[in-house]
Amino acid sequence: MCNCPRDSRRAINSMAEQRKRDQGCWIAVNDRLPLPYVDVLVALHSPEGQIVDLGYRNRKGVWFYADINREKILAAVAYWHPLPDPPRWG
């Protein structure tokens, strides 16, 4: 059992429940944003068409590709999706 104060446990449980709800759906950036520096799937429109890629945003709200180059995403990110949990090995 956690020795956290009751409010802390409630907040942790709430975050876990929100993560479960988010796993199956794309979230509009107008509705809610992911935490800064957390890799997520991003959906955006670019001159090349519709793109889904791995990205993250900084504290200022600027989006970047989450690859080795960490380039700024120039197109507007419309939706994001949390990454799935990793597989359980064992």
N, C-alpha and C. Protein backbone atom coordinates (compact mmCIF):
# COMPACT_ATOMS: atom_id res chain seq x y z
N MET A 1 0.85 -1.19 0.00
CA MET A 1 0.00 0.00 0.00
C MET A 1 0.89 1.25 0.00
N CYS A 2 0.46 2.22 -0.71
CA CYS A 2 1.20 3.48 -0.83
C CYS A 2 1.07 4.29 0.46
N ASN A 3 2.17 4.89 0.89
CA ASN A 3 2.15 5.76 2.06
C ASN A 3 1.90 7.20 1.68
N CYS A 4 1.41 7.43 0.45
CA CYS A 4 1.14 8.78 -0.05
C CYS A 4 -0.09 9.34 0.67
N PRO A 5 -0.15 10.66 0.77
CA PRO A 5 -1.39 11.26 1.28
C PRO A 5 -2.56 10.87 0.38
N ARG A 6 -3.75 10.88 0.94
CA ARG A 6 -4.94 10.46 0.22
C ARG A 6 -5.13 11.25 -1.09
N ASP A 7 -4.89 12.57 -1.09
CA ASP A 7 -5.04 13.39 -2.29
C ASP A 7 -4.06 12.96 -3.37
N SER A 8 -2.85 12.60 -2.97
CA SER A 8 -1.85 12.16 -3.94
C SER A 8 -2.26 10.84 -4.58
N ARG A 9 -2.76 9.92 -3.77
CA ARG A 9 -3.23 8.64 -4.32
C ARG A 9 -4.40 8.86 -5.27
N ARG A 10 -5.30 9.76 -4.92
CA ARG A 10 -6.45 10.06 -5.78
C ARG A 10 -5.97 10.63 -7.11
N ALA A 11 -4.98 11.52 -7.07
CA ALA A 11 -4.44 12.12 -8.30
C ALA A 11 -3.76 11.07 -9.16
N ILE A 12 -2.99 10.17 -8.54
CA ILE A 12 -2.31 9.11 -9.28
C ILE A 12 -3.33 8.18 -9.93
N ASN A 13 -4.36 7.80 -9.19
CA ASN A 13 -5.41 6.93 -9.74
C ASN A 13 -6.13 7.62 -10.89
N SER A 14 -6.40 8.92 -10.75
CA SER A 14 -7.07 9.68 -11.80
C SER A 14 -6.22 9.71 -13.07
N MET A 15 -4.91 9.91 -12.92
CA MET A 15 -4.01 9.93 -14.07
C MET A 15 -3.97 8.56 -14.75
N ALA A 16 -3.97 7.50 -13.98
CA ALA A 16 -3.96 6.15 -14.54
C ALA A 16 -5.25 5.87 -15.31
N GLU A 17 -6.38 6.30 -14.76
CA GLU A 17 -7.66 6.12 -15.44
C GLU A 17 -7.70 6.91 -16.74
N GLN A 18 -7.18 8.15 -16.71
CA GLN A 18 -7.15 8.97 -17.92
C GLN A 18 -6.28 8.31 -18.99
N ARG A 19 -5.15 7.76 -18.59
CA ARG A 19 -4.26 7.08 -19.54
C ARG A 19 -4.97 5.89 -20.18
N LYS A 20 -5.72 5.11 -19.40
CA LYS A 20 -6.47 3.99 -19.96
C LYS A 20 -7.48 4.47 -20.99
N ARG A 21 -8.21 5.55 -20.68
CA ARG A 21 -9.20 6.09 -21.62
C ARG A 21 -8.54 6.59 -22.89
N ASP A 22 -7.37 7.19 -22.76
CA ASP A 22 -6.67 7.77 -23.91
C ASP A 22 -6.08 6.72 -24.84
N GLN A 23 -5.85 5.51 -24.38
CA GLN A 23 -5.16 4.51 -25.17
C GLN A 23 -5.88 4.20 -26.49
N GLY A 24 -7.17 4.30 -26.53
CA GLY A 24 -7.90 3.90 -27.73
C GLY A 24 -8.30 5.03 -28.65
N CYS A 25 -7.90 6.26 -28.38
CA CYS A 25 -8.42 7.34 -29.21
C CYS A 25 -7.36 8.40 -29.48
N TRP A 26 -7.56 9.10 -30.58
CA TRP A 26 -6.74 10.26 -30.92
C TRP A 26 -7.31 11.47 -30.20
N ILE A 27 -6.47 12.33 -29.70
CA ILE A 27 -6.90 13.49 -28.92
C ILE A 27 -6.56 14.75 -29.70
N ALA A 28 -7.57 15.59 -29.91
CA ALA A 28 -7.34 16.86 -30.62
C ALA A 28 -6.51 17.78 -29.74
N VAL A 29 -5.55 18.47 -30.37
CA VAL A 29 -4.70 19.38 -29.59
C VAL A 29 -5.52 20.53 -29.01
N ASN A 30 -6.68 20.80 -29.60
CA ASN A 30 -7.57 21.84 -29.05
C ASN A 30 -8.25 21.38 -27.77
N ASP A 31 -8.36 20.05 -27.59
CA ASP A 31 -9.01 19.51 -26.39
C ASP A 31 -8.03 19.38 -25.22
N ARG A 32 -6.85 18.85 -25.52
CA ARG A 32 -5.86 18.63 -24.46
C ARG A 32 -4.50 18.38 -25.10
N LEU A 33 -3.45 18.74 -24.40
CA LEU A 33 -2.09 18.53 -24.88
C LEU A 33 -1.38 17.50 -24.00
N PRO A 34 -0.43 16.77 -24.59
CA PRO A 34 0.36 15.85 -23.75
C PRO A 34 1.33 16.64 -22.88
N LEU A 35 1.86 16.00 -21.90
CA LEU A 35 2.88 16.64 -21.05
C LEU A 35 4.09 16.99 -21.91
N PRO A 36 4.80 18.06 -21.58
CA PRO A 36 6.01 18.40 -22.33
C PRO A 36 7.04 17.28 -22.29
N TYR A 37 7.75 17.10 -23.39
CA TYR A 37 8.86 16.16 -23.53
C TYR A 37 8.45 14.70 -23.39
N VAL A 38 7.17 14.39 -23.60
CA VAL A 38 6.70 13.01 -23.59
C VAL A 38 6.44 12.62 -25.05
N ASP A 39 7.10 11.57 -25.53
CA ASP A 39 6.89 11.12 -26.90
C ASP A 39 5.48 10.58 -27.08
N VAL A 40 4.83 11.01 -28.17
CA VAL A 40 3.49 10.57 -28.53
C VAL A 40 3.43 10.43 -30.05
N LEU A 41 2.41 9.76 -30.55
CA LEU A 41 2.15 9.78 -31.97
C LEU A 41 1.48 11.11 -32.30
N VAL A 42 1.86 11.72 -33.42
CA VAL A 42 1.25 12.98 -33.84
C VAL A 42 0.69 12.81 -35.24
N ALA A 43 -0.47 13.41 -35.48
CA ALA A 43 -1.09 13.43 -36.80
C ALA A 43 -1.12 14.87 -37.26
N LEU A 44 -0.65 15.10 -38.49
CA LEU A 44 -0.58 16.46 -39.01
C LEU A 44 -0.79 16.46 -40.51
N HIS A 45 -1.14 17.64 -41.03
CA HIS A 45 -1.26 17.84 -42.47
C HIS A 45 -0.02 18.59 -42.92
N SER A 46 0.58 18.13 -43.99
CA SER A 46 1.74 18.80 -44.55
C SER A 46 1.54 18.91 -46.06
N PRO A 47 2.40 19.63 -46.75
CA PRO A 47 2.28 19.70 -48.21
C PRO A 47 2.33 18.32 -48.87
N GLU A 48 2.98 17.36 -48.22
CA GLU A 48 3.06 15.99 -48.76
C GLU A 48 1.80 15.17 -48.48
N GLY A 49 0.92 15.68 -47.63
CA GLY A 49 -0.30 14.95 -47.27
C GLY A 49 -0.41 14.75 -45.78
N GLN A 50 -1.26 13.82 -45.42
CA GLN A 50 -1.48 13.53 -44.00
C GLN A 50 -0.35 12.65 -43.49
N ILE A 51 0.21 12.99 -42.34
CA ILE A 51 1.36 12.27 -41.78
C ILE A 51 1.07 11.87 -40.34
N VAL A 52 1.49 10.66 -39.99
CA VAL A 52 1.50 10.22 -38.60
C VAL A 52 2.95 9.89 -38.28
N ASP A 53 3.47 10.45 -37.20
CA ASP A 53 4.87 10.28 -36.85
C ASP A 53 5.01 10.33 -35.34
N LEU A 54 6.21 10.13 -34.87
CA LEU A 54 6.51 10.21 -33.44
C LEU A 54 7.00 11.62 -33.14
N GLY A 55 6.42 12.25 -32.13
CA GLY A 55 6.82 13.61 -31.80
C GLY A 55 6.64 13.92 -30.33
N TYR A 56 7.04 15.12 -29.97
CA TYR A 56 6.85 15.62 -28.60
C TYR A 56 6.80 17.14 -28.67
N ARG A 57 6.35 17.76 -27.60
CA ARG A 57 6.32 19.22 -27.56
C ARG A 57 7.15 19.69 -26.37
N ASN A 58 7.72 20.90 -26.50
CA ASN A 58 8.48 21.44 -25.38
C ASN A 58 7.55 22.26 -24.48
N ARG A 59 8.09 22.88 -23.46
CA ARG A 59 7.27 23.65 -22.52
C ARG A 59 6.62 24.87 -23.17
N LYS A 60 7.20 25.37 -24.25
CA LYS A 60 6.64 26.52 -24.96
C LYS A 60 5.55 26.12 -25.95
N GLY A 61 5.31 24.81 -26.10
CA GLY A 61 4.28 24.33 -27.00
C GLY A 61 4.75 24.09 -28.42
N VAL A 62 6.06 24.14 -28.65
CA VAL A 62 6.61 23.88 -29.98
C VAL A 62 6.79 22.37 -30.14
N TRP A 63 6.31 21.84 -31.27
CA TRP A 63 6.38 20.41 -31.55
C TRP A 63 7.67 20.06 -32.28
N PHE A 64 8.23 18.89 -31.97
CA PHE A 64 9.44 18.38 -32.61
C PHE A 64 9.25 16.91 -32.96
N TYR A 65 9.95 16.47 -34.02
CA TYR A 65 9.98 15.05 -34.32
C TYR A 65 10.86 14.36 -33.29
N ALA A 66 10.42 13.20 -32.82
CA ALA A 66 11.17 12.46 -31.81
C ALA A 66 12.08 11.44 -32.49
N ASP A 67 12.99 11.94 -33.30
CA ASP A 67 13.97 11.08 -33.94
C ASP A 67 15.37 11.59 -33.61
N ILE A 68 16.36 11.06 -34.25
CA ILE A 68 17.73 11.43 -33.92
C ILE A 68 18.04 12.90 -34.19
N ASN A 69 17.36 13.50 -35.18
CA ASN A 69 17.63 14.90 -35.53
C ASN A 69 16.86 15.90 -34.68
N ARG A 70 15.74 15.48 -34.10
CA ARG A 70 14.91 16.35 -33.26
C ARG A 70 14.52 17.65 -33.96
N GLU A 71 14.14 17.54 -35.25
CA GLU A 71 13.77 18.72 -36.01
C GLU A 71 12.40 19.24 -35.61
N LYS A 72 12.23 20.54 -35.72
CA LYS A 72 10.96 21.18 -35.42
C LYS A 72 9.92 20.75 -36.46
N ILE A 73 8.70 20.46 -36.00
CA ILE A 73 7.60 20.13 -36.91
C ILE A 73 7.03 21.44 -37.42
N LEU A 74 7.11 21.66 -38.72
CA LEU A 74 6.67 22.92 -39.29
C LEU A 74 5.16 22.94 -39.56
N ALA A 75 4.58 21.78 -39.83
CA ALA A 75 3.14 21.72 -40.06
C ALA A 75 2.41 21.71 -38.71
N ALA A 76 1.15 22.10 -38.73
CA ALA A 76 0.37 22.14 -37.49
C ALA A 76 -0.05 20.73 -37.08
N VAL A 77 0.28 20.36 -35.85
CA VAL A 77 -0.16 19.08 -35.30
C VAL A 77 -1.64 19.22 -34.95
N ALA A 78 -2.45 18.31 -35.45
CA ALA A 78 -3.90 18.37 -35.21
C ALA A 78 -4.33 17.42 -34.10
N TYR A 79 -3.71 16.25 -34.04
CA TYR A 79 -4.09 15.22 -33.07
C TYR A 79 -2.83 14.56 -32.51
N TRP A 80 -2.98 13.98 -31.34
CA TRP A 80 -1.91 13.18 -30.76
C TRP A 80 -2.51 11.95 -30.11
N HIS A 81 -1.66 10.95 -29.91
CA HIS A 81 -2.10 9.67 -29.34
C HIS A 81 -1.00 9.15 -28.43
N PRO A 82 -1.33 8.75 -27.21
CA PRO A 82 -0.31 8.19 -26.32
C PRO A 82 0.30 6.93 -26.92
N LEU A 83 1.55 6.69 -26.61
CA LEU A 83 2.17 5.44 -27.06
C LEU A 83 1.61 4.29 -26.24
N PRO A 84 1.53 3.11 -26.85
CA PRO A 84 1.04 1.96 -26.08
C PRO A 84 2.05 1.55 -25.03
N ASP A 85 1.61 0.80 -24.05
CA ASP A 85 2.52 0.24 -23.06
C ASP A 85 3.46 -0.74 -23.76
N PRO A 86 4.68 -0.88 -23.27
CA PRO A 86 5.61 -1.82 -23.89
C PRO A 86 5.14 -3.26 -23.66
N PRO A 87 5.62 -4.19 -24.46
CA PRO A 87 5.21 -5.59 -24.25
C PRO A 87 5.75 -6.12 -22.93
N ARG A 88 5.08 -7.09 -22.41
CA ARG A 88 5.55 -7.73 -21.18
C ARG A 88 6.38 -8.96 -21.57
N TRP A 89 7.64 -8.93 -21.21
CA TRP A 89 8.54 -10.02 -21.52
C TRP A 89 8.54 -10.98 -20.35
N GLY A 90 8.62 -12.24 -20.65
CA GLY A 90 8.73 -13.05 -19.49
C GLY A 90 8.43 -14.45 -19.62
